Amino acid sequence: MRSMTVKEARDSFDRMLEAAKREGVVLRDGTVDAAVVVSPEEYARLRQSRAERLLKAMDRVAAEAAANGLTEEKLAELLKQPD
C-alpha cells in the first residue's frame, strides 16, 4: 500500500486516485495516518471478510449459549421490555 501526505493527495488527486485503484493509499497528516483510500473492489472484499468474521463469532456465541441452556423462550423473556 502506498503512502502519501494529505497535501500530496490534494495537489495530485488524479495520481492518488490511480494509486488507490491499484494498491490503496494511506494518507498521512503529519505523523498520523488520516485515511485510507482503496478501490471499490477492495472495499467490498474487506466488508465481506468482516461480515464473515462477525457471523462466525455469532455462531460461536449461539453455540455457547445453547450449551449453557439458553433457549429461544428464555432469550425472549430476558429481552422483554418492562411496560
N, C-alpha and C. Protein backbone atom coordinates (compact mmCIF):
# COMPACT_ATOMS: atom_id res chain seq x y z
N MET A 1 0.86 -1.17 0.00
CA MET A 1 0.00 0.00 0.00
C MET A 1 0.90 1.23 0.00
N ARG A 2 0.57 2.16 -0.84
CA ARG A 2 1.35 3.38 -0.98
C ARG A 2 0.98 4.38 0.12
N SER A 3 1.91 5.27 0.44
CA SER A 3 1.66 6.31 1.43
C SER A 3 1.89 7.67 0.79
N MET A 4 1.00 8.62 1.08
CA MET A 4 1.12 9.99 0.58
C MET A 4 0.70 10.94 1.70
N THR A 5 1.23 12.14 1.65
CA THR A 5 0.73 13.14 2.58
C THR A 5 -0.61 13.66 2.07
N VAL A 6 -1.39 14.23 2.96
CA VAL A 6 -2.66 14.82 2.56
C VAL A 6 -2.42 15.90 1.50
N LYS A 7 -1.37 16.68 1.69
CA LYS A 7 -1.05 17.75 0.72
C LYS A 7 -0.73 17.16 -0.65
N GLU A 8 0.09 16.10 -0.69
CA GLU A 8 0.40 15.45 -1.96
C GLU A 8 -0.87 14.95 -2.64
N ALA A 9 -1.76 14.34 -1.87
CA ALA A 9 -3.01 13.82 -2.43
C ALA A 9 -3.86 14.95 -2.98
N ARG A 10 -3.91 16.05 -2.25
CA ARG A 10 -4.70 17.20 -2.69
C ARG A 10 -4.10 17.81 -3.96
N ASP A 11 -2.77 17.92 -3.98
CA ASP A 11 -2.09 18.55 -5.13
C ASP A 11 -2.12 17.69 -6.38
N SER A 12 -2.20 16.37 -6.19
CA SER A 12 -2.22 15.47 -7.36
C SER A 12 -3.29 14.40 -7.16
N PHE A 13 -4.52 14.85 -7.07
CA PHE A 13 -5.64 13.96 -6.80
C PHE A 13 -5.72 12.82 -7.81
N ASP A 14 -5.50 13.13 -9.09
CA ASP A 14 -5.59 12.09 -10.13
C ASP A 14 -4.56 10.99 -9.89
N ARG A 15 -3.34 11.35 -9.52
CA ARG A 15 -2.30 10.35 -9.24
C ARG A 15 -2.66 9.52 -8.01
N MET A 16 -3.19 10.17 -6.98
CA MET A 16 -3.60 9.46 -5.78
C MET A 16 -4.72 8.48 -6.10
N LEU A 17 -5.67 8.91 -6.91
CA LEU A 17 -6.80 8.06 -7.27
C LEU A 17 -6.34 6.83 -8.06
N GLU A 18 -5.43 7.02 -8.98
CA GLU A 18 -4.90 5.89 -9.75
C GLU A 18 -4.16 4.91 -8.85
N ALA A 19 -3.37 5.43 -7.91
CA ALA A 19 -2.66 4.56 -6.98
C ALA A 19 -3.65 3.80 -6.10
N ALA A 20 -4.71 4.46 -5.69
CA ALA A 20 -5.73 3.81 -4.84
C ALA A 20 -6.39 2.66 -5.58
N LYS A 21 -6.62 2.81 -6.86
CA LYS A 21 -7.23 1.74 -7.65
C LYS A 21 -6.33 0.52 -7.73
N ARG A 22 -5.02 0.75 -7.80
CA ARG A 22 -4.06 -0.35 -7.96
C ARG A 22 -3.70 -1.03 -6.64
N GLU A 23 -3.41 -0.21 -5.61
CA GLU A 23 -2.83 -0.80 -4.42
C GLU A 23 -3.34 -0.20 -3.11
N GLY A 24 -4.12 0.83 -3.17
CA GLY A 24 -4.56 1.51 -1.96
C GLY A 24 -3.55 2.57 -1.55
N VAL A 25 -4.03 3.59 -0.87
CA VAL A 25 -3.17 4.69 -0.45
C VAL A 25 -3.49 5.07 0.98
N VAL A 26 -2.45 5.16 1.80
CA VAL A 26 -2.58 5.68 3.15
C VAL A 26 -2.27 7.17 3.08
N LEU A 27 -3.20 8.00 3.54
CA LEU A 27 -2.98 9.44 3.56
C LEU A 27 -2.51 9.84 4.95
N ARG A 28 -1.36 10.51 4.99
CA ARG A 28 -0.76 10.92 6.26
C ARG A 28 -0.89 12.41 6.46
N ASP A 29 -1.29 12.78 7.65
CA ASP A 29 -1.39 14.19 8.04
C ASP A 29 -0.34 14.41 9.11
N GLY A 30 0.80 14.89 8.71
CA GLY A 30 1.94 14.99 9.62
C GLY A 30 2.46 13.59 9.89
N THR A 31 2.42 13.19 11.15
CA THR A 31 2.90 11.85 11.51
C THR A 31 1.76 10.87 11.76
N VAL A 32 0.54 11.31 11.46
CA VAL A 32 -0.65 10.50 11.76
C VAL A 32 -1.28 9.99 10.47
N ASP A 33 -1.64 8.69 10.45
CA ASP A 33 -2.43 8.15 9.34
C ASP A 33 -3.83 8.74 9.44
N ALA A 34 -4.23 9.51 8.42
CA ALA A 34 -5.51 10.21 8.46
C ALA A 34 -6.62 9.45 7.76
N ALA A 35 -6.28 8.71 6.71
CA ALA A 35 -7.30 8.00 5.94
C ALA A 35 -6.63 6.95 5.06
N VAL A 36 -7.46 6.03 4.57
CA VAL A 36 -7.00 5.05 3.60
C VAL A 36 -7.99 5.09 2.45
N VAL A 37 -7.46 5.16 1.23
CA VAL A 37 -8.31 5.17 0.04
C VAL A 37 -8.03 3.87 -0.71
N VAL A 38 -9.10 3.10 -0.96
CA VAL A 38 -8.97 1.83 -1.67
C VAL A 38 -10.00 1.76 -2.79
N SER A 39 -9.80 0.82 -3.68
CA SER A 39 -10.74 0.61 -4.78
C SER A 39 -12.06 0.07 -4.25
N PRO A 40 -13.13 0.24 -5.02
CA PRO A 40 -14.42 -0.33 -4.60
C PRO A 40 -14.35 -1.85 -4.43
N GLU A 41 -13.56 -2.52 -5.24
CA GLU A 41 -13.43 -3.98 -5.14
C GLU A 41 -12.76 -4.37 -3.82
N GLU A 42 -11.70 -3.63 -3.46
CA GLU A 42 -11.01 -3.93 -2.20
C GLU A 42 -11.92 -3.62 -1.01
N TYR A 43 -12.66 -2.54 -1.09
CA TYR A 43 -13.60 -2.19 -0.02
C TYR A 43 -14.65 -3.29 0.15
N ALA A 44 -15.18 -3.78 -0.96
CA ALA A 44 -16.19 -4.86 -0.90
C ALA A 44 -15.58 -6.12 -0.29
N ARG A 45 -14.33 -6.43 -0.66
CA ARG A 45 -13.66 -7.60 -0.10
C ARG A 45 -13.48 -7.45 1.42
N LEU A 46 -13.08 -6.28 1.85
CA LEU A 46 -12.90 -6.02 3.28
C LEU A 46 -14.22 -6.14 4.04
N ARG A 47 -15.29 -5.58 3.46
CA ARG A 47 -16.60 -5.67 4.10
C ARG A 47 -17.06 -7.11 4.21
N GLN A 48 -16.87 -7.89 3.15
CA GLN A 48 -17.28 -9.30 3.13
C GLN A 48 -16.51 -10.08 4.19
N SER A 49 -15.22 -9.84 4.28
CA SER A 49 -14.39 -10.52 5.27
C SER A 49 -14.85 -10.19 6.69
N ARG A 50 -15.16 -8.94 6.91
CA ARG A 50 -15.64 -8.52 8.24
C ARG A 50 -16.99 -9.16 8.57
N ALA A 51 -17.87 -9.21 7.59
CA ALA A 51 -19.19 -9.84 7.80
C ALA A 51 -19.03 -11.32 8.11
N GLU A 52 -18.14 -12.00 7.41
CA GLU A 52 -17.91 -13.43 7.66
C GLU A 52 -17.38 -13.66 9.07
N ARG A 53 -16.45 -12.81 9.51
CA ARG A 53 -15.92 -12.94 10.87
C ARG A 53 -17.01 -12.71 11.91
N LEU A 54 -17.88 -11.73 11.65
CA LEU A 54 -18.97 -11.46 12.58
C LEU A 54 -19.92 -12.65 12.66
N LEU A 55 -20.28 -13.23 11.53
CA LEU A 55 -21.18 -14.39 11.53
C LEU A 55 -20.56 -15.57 12.28
N LYS A 56 -19.26 -15.80 12.11
CA LYS A 56 -18.59 -16.89 12.83
C LYS A 56 -18.63 -16.63 14.33
N ALA A 57 -18.38 -15.38 14.73
CA ALA A 57 -18.42 -15.04 16.16
C ALA A 57 -19.83 -15.24 16.71
N MET A 58 -20.84 -14.85 15.96
CA MET A 58 -22.23 -15.02 16.39
C MET A 58 -22.56 -16.50 16.54
N ASP A 59 -22.08 -17.32 15.61
CA ASP A 59 -22.31 -18.77 15.70
C ASP A 59 -21.66 -19.35 16.95
N ARG A 60 -20.44 -18.90 17.27
CA ARG A 60 -19.75 -19.38 18.48
C ARG A 60 -20.53 -18.99 19.73
N VAL A 61 -21.00 -17.75 19.78
CA VAL A 61 -21.76 -17.29 20.95
C VAL A 61 -23.06 -18.06 21.08
N ALA A 62 -23.75 -18.28 19.96
CA ALA A 62 -25.01 -19.03 19.98
C ALA A 62 -24.78 -20.45 20.46
N ALA A 63 -23.70 -21.09 20.00
CA ALA A 63 -23.41 -22.46 20.42
C ALA A 63 -23.10 -22.51 21.92
N GLU A 64 -22.34 -21.53 22.40
CA GLU A 64 -22.03 -21.48 23.83
C GLU A 64 -23.29 -21.24 24.66
N ALA A 65 -24.15 -20.34 24.19
CA ALA A 65 -25.40 -20.06 24.91
C ALA A 65 -26.28 -21.30 24.96
N ALA A 66 -26.38 -22.00 23.83
CA ALA A 66 -27.20 -23.22 23.80
C ALA A 66 -26.61 -24.28 24.72
N ALA A 67 -25.29 -24.40 24.74
CA ALA A 67 -24.65 -25.38 25.61
C ALA A 67 -24.89 -25.06 27.09
N ASN A 68 -25.13 -23.79 27.38
CA ASN A 68 -25.40 -23.36 28.76
C ASN A 68 -26.89 -23.30 29.06
N GLY A 69 -27.71 -23.82 28.15
CA GLY A 69 -29.13 -23.95 28.41
C GLY A 69 -30.01 -22.79 27.97
N LEU A 70 -29.49 -21.86 27.22
CA LEU A 70 -30.32 -20.75 26.75
C LEU A 70 -31.19 -21.22 25.59
N THR A 71 -32.49 -21.03 25.73
CA THR A 71 -33.44 -21.40 24.67
C THR A 71 -34.02 -20.12 24.09
N GLU A 72 -34.75 -20.26 22.99
CA GLU A 72 -35.42 -19.11 22.38
C GLU A 72 -36.40 -18.48 23.37
N GLU A 73 -37.08 -19.33 24.11
CA GLU A 73 -38.07 -18.84 25.09
C GLU A 73 -37.39 -18.05 26.21
N LYS A 74 -36.28 -18.58 26.73
CA LYS A 74 -35.56 -17.88 27.79
C LYS A 74 -35.01 -16.55 27.28
N LEU A 75 -34.52 -16.56 26.05
CA LEU A 75 -33.99 -15.34 25.46
C LEU A 75 -35.08 -14.30 25.30
N ALA A 76 -36.24 -14.72 24.82
CA ALA A 76 -37.36 -13.79 24.65
C ALA A 76 -37.74 -13.18 25.99
N GLU A 77 -37.76 -13.99 27.03
CA GLU A 77 -38.09 -13.49 28.37
C GLU A 77 -37.06 -12.49 28.85
N LEU A 78 -35.79 -12.78 28.61
CA LEU A 78 -34.71 -11.87 29.02
C LEU A 78 -34.77 -10.53 28.28
N LEU A 79 -35.23 -10.59 27.04
CA LEU A 79 -35.26 -9.38 26.21
C LEU A 79 -36.55 -8.58 26.34
N LYS A 80 -37.50 -9.10 27.09
CA LYS A 80 -38.77 -8.39 27.26
C LYS A 80 -38.54 -7.01 27.86
N GLN A 81 -39.21 -6.03 27.30
CA GLN A 81 -39.15 -4.67 27.83
C GLN A 81 -40.20 -4.51 28.91
N PRO A 82 -39.85 -3.91 30.04
CA PRO A 82 -40.89 -3.66 31.05
C PRO A 82 -41.88 -2.61 30.53
N ASP A 83 -43.15 -2.78 30.89
CA ASP A 83 -44.18 -1.83 30.43
C ASP A 83 -44.07 -0.50 31.08
